Each structure stands twice: as C-alpha cells, then as structure tokens.
C-alpha atoms as a PDB file:
ATOM      1  CA  UNK A   1     132.097 150.343 179.193  1.00  0.00           C
ATOM      2  CA  UNK A   2     128.770 151.713 180.430  1.00  0.00           C
ATOM      3  CA  UNK A   3     125.639 149.604 180.224  1.00  0.00           C
ATOM      4  CA  UNK A   4     122.993 151.049 177.921  1.00  0.00           C
ATOM      5  CA  UNK A   5     119.341 150.167 177.536  1.00  0.00           C
ATOM      6  CA  UNK A   6     120.273 147.850 174.669  1.00  0.00           C
ATOM      7  CA  UNK A   7     122.903 145.966 176.636  1.00  0.00           C
ATOM      8  CA  UNK A   8     121.955 143.508 179.335  1.00  0.00           C
ATOM      9  CA  UNK A   9     123.981 143.273 182.516  1.00  0.00           C
ATOM     10  CA  UNK A  10     124.974 139.699 181.759  1.00  0.00           C
ATOM     11  CA  UNK A  11     126.186 140.574 178.276  1.00  0.00           C
ATOM     12  CA  UNK A  12     128.195 143.489 179.655  1.00  0.00           C
ATOM     13  CA  UNK A  13     129.789 141.265 182.295  1.00  0.00           C
ATOM     14  CA  UNK A  14     130.654 138.598 179.725  1.00  0.00           C
ATOM     15  CA  UNK A  15     132.216 141.198 177.426  1.00  0.00           C
ATOM     16  CA  UNK A  16     134.246 142.710 180.269  1.00  0.00           C
ATOM     17  CA  UNK A  17     135.381 139.312 181.543  1.00  0.00           C
ATOM     18  CA  UNK A  18     136.395 138.217 178.052  1.00  0.00           C
ATOM     19  CA  UNK A  19     138.434 141.378 177.482  1.00  0.00           C
ATOM     20  CA  UNK A  20     140.260 140.836 180.782  1.00  0.00           C
ATOM     21  CA  UNK A  21     140.628 137.040 180.695  1.00  0.00           C
ATOM     22  CA  UNK A  22     141.923 136.995 177.124  1.00  0.00           C
ATOM     23  CA  UNK A  23     144.788 139.312 178.127  1.00  0.00           C
ATOM     24  CA  UNK A  24     145.560 138.404 181.738  1.00  0.00           C
ATOM     25  CA  UNK A  25     144.209 134.884 182.174  1.00  0.00           C
ATOM     26  CA  UNK A  26     141.611 133.884 184.750  1.00  0.00           C
ATOM     27  CA  UNK A  27     143.607 133.752 187.977  1.00  0.00           C
ATOM     28  CA  UNK A  28     144.977 137.290 187.703  1.00  0.00           C
ATOM     29  CA  UNK A  29     141.569 138.897 187.177  1.00  0.00           C
ATOM     30  CA  UNK A  30     139.281 139.713 190.099  1.00  0.00           C
ATOM     31  CA  UNK A  31     135.509 140.064 190.258  1.00  0.00           C
ATOM     32  CA  UNK A  32     136.076 143.718 191.165  1.00  0.00           C
ATOM     33  CA  UNK A  33     138.023 144.300 187.931  1.00  0.00           C
ATOM     34  CA  UNK A  34     135.283 142.669 185.860  1.00  0.00           C
ATOM     35  CA  UNK A  35     132.640 144.839 187.519  1.00  0.00           C
ATOM     36  CA  UNK A  36     134.706 147.999 187.087  1.00  0.00           C
ATOM     37  CA  UNK A  37     135.298 147.273 183.403  1.00  0.00           C
ATOM     38  CA  UNK A  38     131.603 146.513 182.867  1.00  0.00           C
ATOM     39  CA  UNK A  39     130.469 149.559 184.848  1.00  0.00           C
ATOM     40  CA  UNK A  40     128.357 147.381 187.135  1.00  0.00           C
ATOM     41  CA  UNK A  41     128.208 146.565 190.831  1.00  0.00           C
ATOM     42  CA  UNK A  42     129.375 143.364 192.498  1.00  0.00           C
ATOM     43  CA  UNK A  43     125.760 142.768 193.499  1.00  0.00           C
ATOM     44  CA  UNK A  44     124.815 142.701 189.809  1.00  0.00           C
ATOM     45  CA  UNK A  45     127.690 140.330 189.107  1.00  0.00           C
ATOM     46  CA  UNK A  46     126.605 137.853 191.761  1.00  0.00           C
ATOM     47  CA  UNK A  47     123.014 137.994 190.540  1.00  0.00           C
ATOM     48  CA  UNK A  48     124.297 136.605 187.242  1.00  0.00           C
ATOM     49  CA  UNK A  49     127.283 134.444 188.213  1.00  0.00           C
ATOM     50  CA  UNK A  50     128.284 132.710 191.466  1.00  0.00           C
ATOM     51  CA  UNK A  51     132.007 133.421 190.890  1.00  0.00           C
ATOM     52  CA  UNK A  52     134.545 134.355 188.215  1.00  0.00           C
ATOM     53  CA  UNK A  53     135.123 130.688 187.345  1.00  0.00           C
ATOM     54  CA  UNK A  54     131.466 130.441 186.295  1.00  0.00           C
ATOM     55  CA  UNK A  55     131.767 133.361 183.895  1.00  0.00           C
ATOM     56  CA  UNK A  56     135.041 131.935 182.518  1.00  0.00           C
ATOM     57  CA  UNK A  57     133.310 128.587 181.974  1.00  0.00           C
ATOM     58  CA  UNK A  58     130.454 130.226 180.067  1.00  0.00           C
ATOM     59  CA  UNK A  59     132.896 132.143 177.877  1.00  0.00           C
ATOM     60  CA  UNK A  60     134.903 129.017 177.098  1.00  0.00           C
ATOM     61  CA  UNK A  61     131.790 126.971 176.383  1.00  0.00           C
ATOM     62  CA  UNK A  62     130.580 129.675 173.999  1.00  0.00           C
ATOM     63  CA  UNK A  63     133.972 129.767 172.245  1.00  0.00           C
ATOM     64  CA  UNK A  64     134.016 125.987 171.815  1.00  0.00           C
ATOM     65  CA  UNK A  65     130.447 125.919 170.490  1.00  0.00           C
ATOM     66  CA  UNK A  66     131.177 128.706 168.024  1.00  0.00           C
ATOM     67  CA  UNK A  67     134.347 126.954 166.870  1.00  0.00           C
ATOM     68  CA  UNK A  68     132.506 123.657 166.361  1.00  0.00           C
ATOM     69  CA  UNK A  69     129.688 125.386 164.461  1.00  0.00           C
ATOM     70  CA  UNK A  70     132.144 127.131 162.131  1.00  0.00           C
ATOM     71  CA  UNK A  71     134.057 123.871 161.662  1.00  0.00           C
ATOM     72  CA  UNK A  72     130.925 121.899 160.763  1.00  0.00           C
ATOM     73  CA  UNK A  73     129.738 124.584 158.355  1.00  0.00           C
ATOM     74  CA  UNK A  74     133.068 124.580 156.512  1.00  0.00           C
ATOM     75  CA  UNK A  75     133.549 120.814 156.445  1.00  0.00           C
ATOM     76  CA  UNK A  76     130.072 120.214 155.008  1.00  0.00           C
ATOM     77  CA  UNK A  77     130.814 122.376 151.970  1.00  0.00           C
ATOM     78  CA  UNK A  78     131.114 120.629 148.567  1.00  0.00           C
ATOM     79  CA  UNK A  79     134.814 121.465 148.240  1.00  0.00           C
ATOM     80  CA  UNK A  80     138.029 119.483 148.280  1.00  0.00           C
ATOM     81  CA  UNK A  81     139.377 118.458 151.674  1.00  0.00           C
ATOM     82  CA  UNK A  82     142.457 120.640 151.240  1.00  0.00           C
ATOM     83  CA  UNK A  83     140.301 123.700 150.498  1.00  0.00           C
ATOM     84  CA  UNK A  84     138.151 123.039 153.558  1.00  0.00           C
ATOM     85  CA  UNK A  85     141.163 122.451 155.802  1.00  0.00           C
ATOM     86  CA  UNK A  86     142.704 125.746 154.702  1.00  0.00           C
ATOM     87  CA  UNK A  87     139.513 127.523 155.747  1.00  0.00           C
ATOM     88  CA  UNK A  88     139.357 125.612 159.037  1.00  0.00           C
ATOM     89  CA  UNK A  89     142.898 126.744 159.859  1.00  0.00           C
ATOM     90  CA  UNK A  90     141.947 130.358 159.145  1.00  0.00           C
ATOM     91  CA  UNK A  91     138.923 130.023 161.441  1.00  0.00           C
ATOM     92  CA  UNK A  92     141.032 128.412 164.191  1.00  0.00           C
ATOM     93  CA  UNK A  93     143.471 131.303 163.920  1.00  0.00           C
ATOM     94  CA  UNK A  94     140.629 133.831 164.038  1.00  0.00           C
ATOM     95  CA  UNK A  95     139.133 132.294 167.176  1.00  0.00           C
ATOM     96  CA  UNK A  96     142.505 132.305 168.921  1.00  0.00           C
ATOM     97  CA  UNK A  97     143.386 135.911 168.107  1.00  0.00           C
ATOM     98  CA  UNK A  98     143.738 138.045 171.212  1.00  0.00           C
ATOM     99  CA  UNK A  99     143.975 135.053 173.547  1.00  0.00           C
ATOM    100  CA  UNK A 100     147.014 135.208 175.808  1.00  0.00           C
ATOM    101  CA  UNK A 101     149.201 132.364 176.991  1.00  0.00           C
ATOM    102  CA  UNK A 102     148.013 133.140 180.514  1.00  0.00           C
ATOM    103  CA  UNK A 103     144.433 132.340 179.533  1.00  0.00           C
ATOM    104  CA  UNK A 104     145.424 129.178 177.663  1.00  0.00           C
ATOM    105  CA  UNK A 105     147.518 128.034 180.615  1.00  0.00           C
ATOM    106  CA  UNK A 106     144.703 128.635 183.111  1.00  0.00           C
ATOM    107  CA  UNK A 107     142.224 126.744 180.935  1.00  0.00           C
ATOM    108  CA  UNK A 108     144.382 123.803 179.868  1.00  0.00           C
ATOM    109  CA  UNK A 109     145.930 123.306 183.313  1.00  0.00           C
ATOM    110  CA  UNK A 110     142.744 123.822 185.306  1.00  0.00           C
ATOM    111  CA  UNK A 111     141.999 121.164 187.917  1.00  0.00           C
ATOM    112  CA  UNK A 112     138.336 122.172 188.041  1.00  0.00           C
ATOM    113  CA  UNK A 113     136.338 119.064 186.973  1.00  0.00           C
ATOM    114  CA  UNK A 114     133.881 121.184 184.964  1.00  0.00           C
ATOM    115  CA  UNK A 115     136.646 122.881 182.990  1.00  0.00           C
ATOM    116  CA  UNK A 116     138.484 119.613 182.403  1.00  0.00           C
ATOM    117  CA  UNK A 117     135.307 117.927 181.148  1.00  0.00           C
ATOM    118  CA  UNK A 118     134.511 120.893 178.899  1.00  0.00           C
ATOM    119  CA  UNK A 119     137.974 120.786 177.309  1.00  0.00           C
ATOM    120  CA  UNK A 120     138.042 116.993 176.974  1.00  0.00           C
ATOM    121  CA  UNK A 121     134.523 116.846 175.504  1.00  0.00           C
ATOM    122  CA  UNK A 122     135.433 119.574 173.016  1.00  0.00           C
ATOM    123  CA  UNK A 123     138.603 117.760 171.942  1.00  0.00           C
ATOM    124  CA  UNK A 124     136.759 114.445 171.670  1.00  0.00           C
ATOM    125  CA  UNK A 125     134.016 115.902 169.491  1.00  0.00           C
ATOM    126  CA  UNK A 126     136.546 117.633 167.230  1.00  0.00           C
ATOM    127  CA  UNK A 127     138.576 114.420 166.862  1.00  0.00           C
ATOM    128  CA  UNK A 128     135.496 112.349 166.053  1.00  0.00           C
ATOM    129  CA  UNK A 129     134.333 114.783 163.381  1.00  0.00           C
ATOM    130  CA  UNK A 130     137.784 115.102 161.815  1.00  0.00           C
ATOM    131  CA  UNK A 131     138.127 111.316 161.798  1.00  0.00           C
ATOM    132  CA  UNK A 132     134.797 111.073 159.957  1.00  0.00           C
ATOM    133  CA  UNK A 133     135.837 113.603 157.313  1.00  0.00           C
ATOM    134  CA  UNK A 134     139.264 112.017 156.833  1.00  0.00           C
ATOM    135  CA  UNK A 135     137.843 108.529 156.289  1.00  0.00           C
ATOM    136  CA  UNK A 136     135.250 110.046 153.963  1.00  0.00           C
ATOM    137  CA  UNK A 137     138.024 111.747 151.970  1.00  0.00           C
ATOM    138  CA  UNK A 138     140.041 108.523 151.803  1.00  0.00           C
ATOM    139  CA  UNK A 139     136.973 106.782 150.383  1.00  0.00           C
ATOM    140  CA  UNK A 140     136.669 109.487 147.720  1.00  0.00           C
ATOM    141  CA  UNK A 141     140.406 109.269 146.946  1.00  0.00           C
ATOM    142  CA  UNK A 142     140.892 112.917 147.918  1.00  0.00           C
ATOM    143  CA  UNK A 143     143.851 112.005 150.104  1.00  0.00           C
ATOM    144  CA  UNK A 144     146.351 109.128 150.099  1.00  0.00           C
ATOM    145  CA  UNK A 145     144.743 105.745 150.639  1.00  0.00           C
ATOM    146  CA  UNK A 146     147.442 104.827 153.143  1.00  0.00           C
ATOM    147  CA  UNK A 147     146.742 107.861 155.335  1.00  0.00           C
ATOM    148  CA  UNK A 148     146.711 106.731 158.960  1.00  0.00           C
ATOM    149  CA  UNK A 149     143.859 108.615 160.592  1.00  0.00           C
ATOM    150  CA  UNK A 150     144.868 107.602 164.113  1.00  0.00           C
ATOM    151  CA  UNK A 151     148.336 109.039 163.474  1.00  0.00           C
ATOM    152  CA  UNK A 152     146.842 112.383 162.434  1.00  0.00           C
ATOM    153  CA  UNK A 153     144.616 112.451 165.526  1.00  0.00           C
ATOM    154  CA  UNK A 154     147.666 111.664 167.653  1.00  0.00           C
ATOM    155  CA  UNK A 155     149.503 114.655 166.210  1.00  0.00           C
ATOM    156  CA  UNK A 156     146.509 116.873 166.858  1.00  0.00           C
ATOM    157  CA  UNK A 157     146.923 116.041 170.544  1.00  0.00           C
ATOM    158  CA  UNK A 158     150.616 116.842 170.201  1.00  0.00           C
ATOM    159  CA  UNK A 159     149.701 120.274 168.841  1.00  0.00           C
ATOM    160  CA  UNK A 160     147.896 121.011 172.114  1.00  0.00           C
ATOM    161  CA  UNK A 161     151.057 120.076 174.002  1.00  0.00           C
ATOM    162  CA  UNK A 162     153.291 122.113 171.692  1.00  0.00           C
ATOM    163  CA  UNK A 163     151.064 125.155 172.242  1.00  0.00           C
ATOM    164  CA  UNK A 164     152.464 125.292 175.792  1.00  0.00           C
ATOM    165  CA  UNK A 165     156.045 124.359 174.917  1.00  0.00           C
ATOM    166  CA  UNK A 166     158.498 127.087 175.969  1.00  0.00           C
ATOM    167  CA  UNK A 167     160.698 126.632 172.900  1.00  0.00           C
ATOM    168  CA  UNK A 168     157.661 126.938 170.624  1.00  0.00           C
ATOM    169  CA  UNK A 169     156.454 130.013 172.514  1.00  0.00           C
ATOM    170  CA  UNK A 170     159.883 131.589 171.997  1.00  0.00           C
ATOM    171  CA  UNK A 171     159.571 131.047 168.228  1.00  0.00           C
ATOM    172  CA  UNK A 172     155.927 132.141 167.995  1.00  0.00           C
ATOM    173  CA  UNK A 173     154.985 134.317 171.011  1.00  0.00           C
ATOM    174  CA  UNK A 174     151.474 134.919 169.640  1.00  0.00           C
ATOM    175  CA  UNK A 175     149.178 131.908 170.335  1.00  0.00           C
ATOM    176  CA  UNK A 176     147.216 132.521 167.120  1.00  0.00           C
ATOM    177  CA  UNK A 177     150.427 132.358 165.101  1.00  0.00           C
ATOM    178  CA  UNK A 178     151.445 129.124 166.845  1.00  0.00           C
ATOM    179  CA  UNK A 179     148.115 127.496 166.029  1.00  0.00           C
ATOM    180  CA  UNK A 180     148.374 128.635 162.409  1.00  0.00           C
ATOM    181  CA  UNK A 181     151.899 127.265 161.868  1.00  0.00           C
ATOM    182  CA  UNK A 182     151.376 124.007 163.743  1.00  0.00           C
ATOM    183  CA  UNK A 183     148.097 123.268 161.940  1.00  0.00           C
ATOM    184  CA  UNK A 184     149.484 124.060 158.496  1.00  0.00           C
ATOM    185  CA  UNK A 185     152.548 121.920 159.135  1.00  0.00           C
ATOM    186  CA  UNK A 186     150.366 118.953 160.114  1.00  0.00           C
ATOM    187  CA  UNK A 187     147.969 119.141 157.180  1.00  0.00           C
ATOM    188  CA  UNK A 188     150.147 120.555 154.393  1.00  0.00           C
ATOM    189  CA  UNK A 189     153.780 119.931 155.367  1.00  0.00           C
ATOM    190  CA  UNK A 190     156.602 122.311 154.497  1.00  0.00           C
ATOM    191  CA  UNK A 191     155.938 122.171 150.745  1.00  0.00           C
ATOM    192  CA  UNK A 192     152.319 123.279 151.096  1.00  0.00           C
ATOM    193  CA  UNK A 193     152.959 126.576 152.831  1.00  0.00           C
ATOM    194  CA  UNK A 194     151.959 128.807 149.932  1.00  0.00           C
ATOM    195  CA  UNK A 195     148.874 126.780 149.060  1.00  0.00           C
ATOM    196  CA  UNK A 196     147.822 126.599 152.702  1.00  0.00           C
ATOM    197  CA  UNK A 197     147.463 130.378 152.769  1.00  0.00           C
ATOM    198  CA  UNK A 198     145.334 130.561 149.598  1.00  0.00           C
END
C-alpha cells in the first residue's frame, strides 16, 4: 500500500499494522513488516510510534471506543430490549470479523499494564452500561422481574473465557462466529435462535 497525498503516514501505518495484527497477532509481526506493508521507512514509523506495542495499543483503544459508541447508539434507541440486543450482537460480530485467535490471545493474555488496564476498563464500562439497561428494562417489565443482573454479568465474563477455550475453538474456529453464538445463547437461549437473527 503506497502512501498518497491524501493518506498520512500515521494512518498508513495504522492500516498496515491492523491488517497484519488481525491475521498474525502482535508478537509475530515485526516493525519491518509493518513498514513494508505501509510502504514507509522505519524512520517514519519511529517518528509516529515508539514501538509496535504502541501502535497495537492505539488500534485496540480505537476498536474499543468504536464498539462502545455503536453500543450506546443502539441501546439508546426507543426499541424493545430484545430488538436492541439483536443489533448489539450483530455489531459485536461485525467488529470481530477478521480478527484472528492469535491477536485475541496476545491482547487478552498481555502482561503489559497499559493493555491490561485498557481491556479491564473496557469490560468494566460495558458491564456498567449493560447493567443500567437491564435494570431499566426490568423496571419497564420488558424482561422477567426475577432476572438476576449479576448472574448475566457473570456469564458475560464467562464468554470471554470461552472465547479462548480449545473445545469451543474446535467447534467455531472463526472468532466472530464464536462471539455470535455465545452472545445469542446468553441473551436468547436455544429457543430464540431464529428471532435472534431477525
């Protein structure tokens, strides 16, 4: 990918890094490969980022922000909770398309304090917002009054664990497909499969 007058060096580097990280993960990709894919020099890379971890962090932060923005936009719509959740699942699947298990593993297992904080903060914000919408829906009698919100939040954490489970990976090799099936099972059960896709 050659840089044109309408494409900044930083944007080109981010695009190249994303294309490589999403397929190979972070650890297997070198700065040289990012530069080669972007059609830029290492000097240009280091003018924009101190290392490949920094560019991975920026990509992940951007993905989380975009996911949260889409989530908020959907959940604020004047629709039933089930309709909004169906759309949220589609958005979650869209955001995860093209992401490899290598990338997920590198991100979720990272010991870098910045990465760990980014992931934990993102999960905390998502849990807090979902909790708010669930209690709101209980108050409006949109869902069962005996719904245990803490139980649902617990299973959301379990979904993150199941995403890395070898048996689950064997059933659904594509991460986007795993997210789709796990999310639909949590929110709609086995009887809601058809409706969950509408």
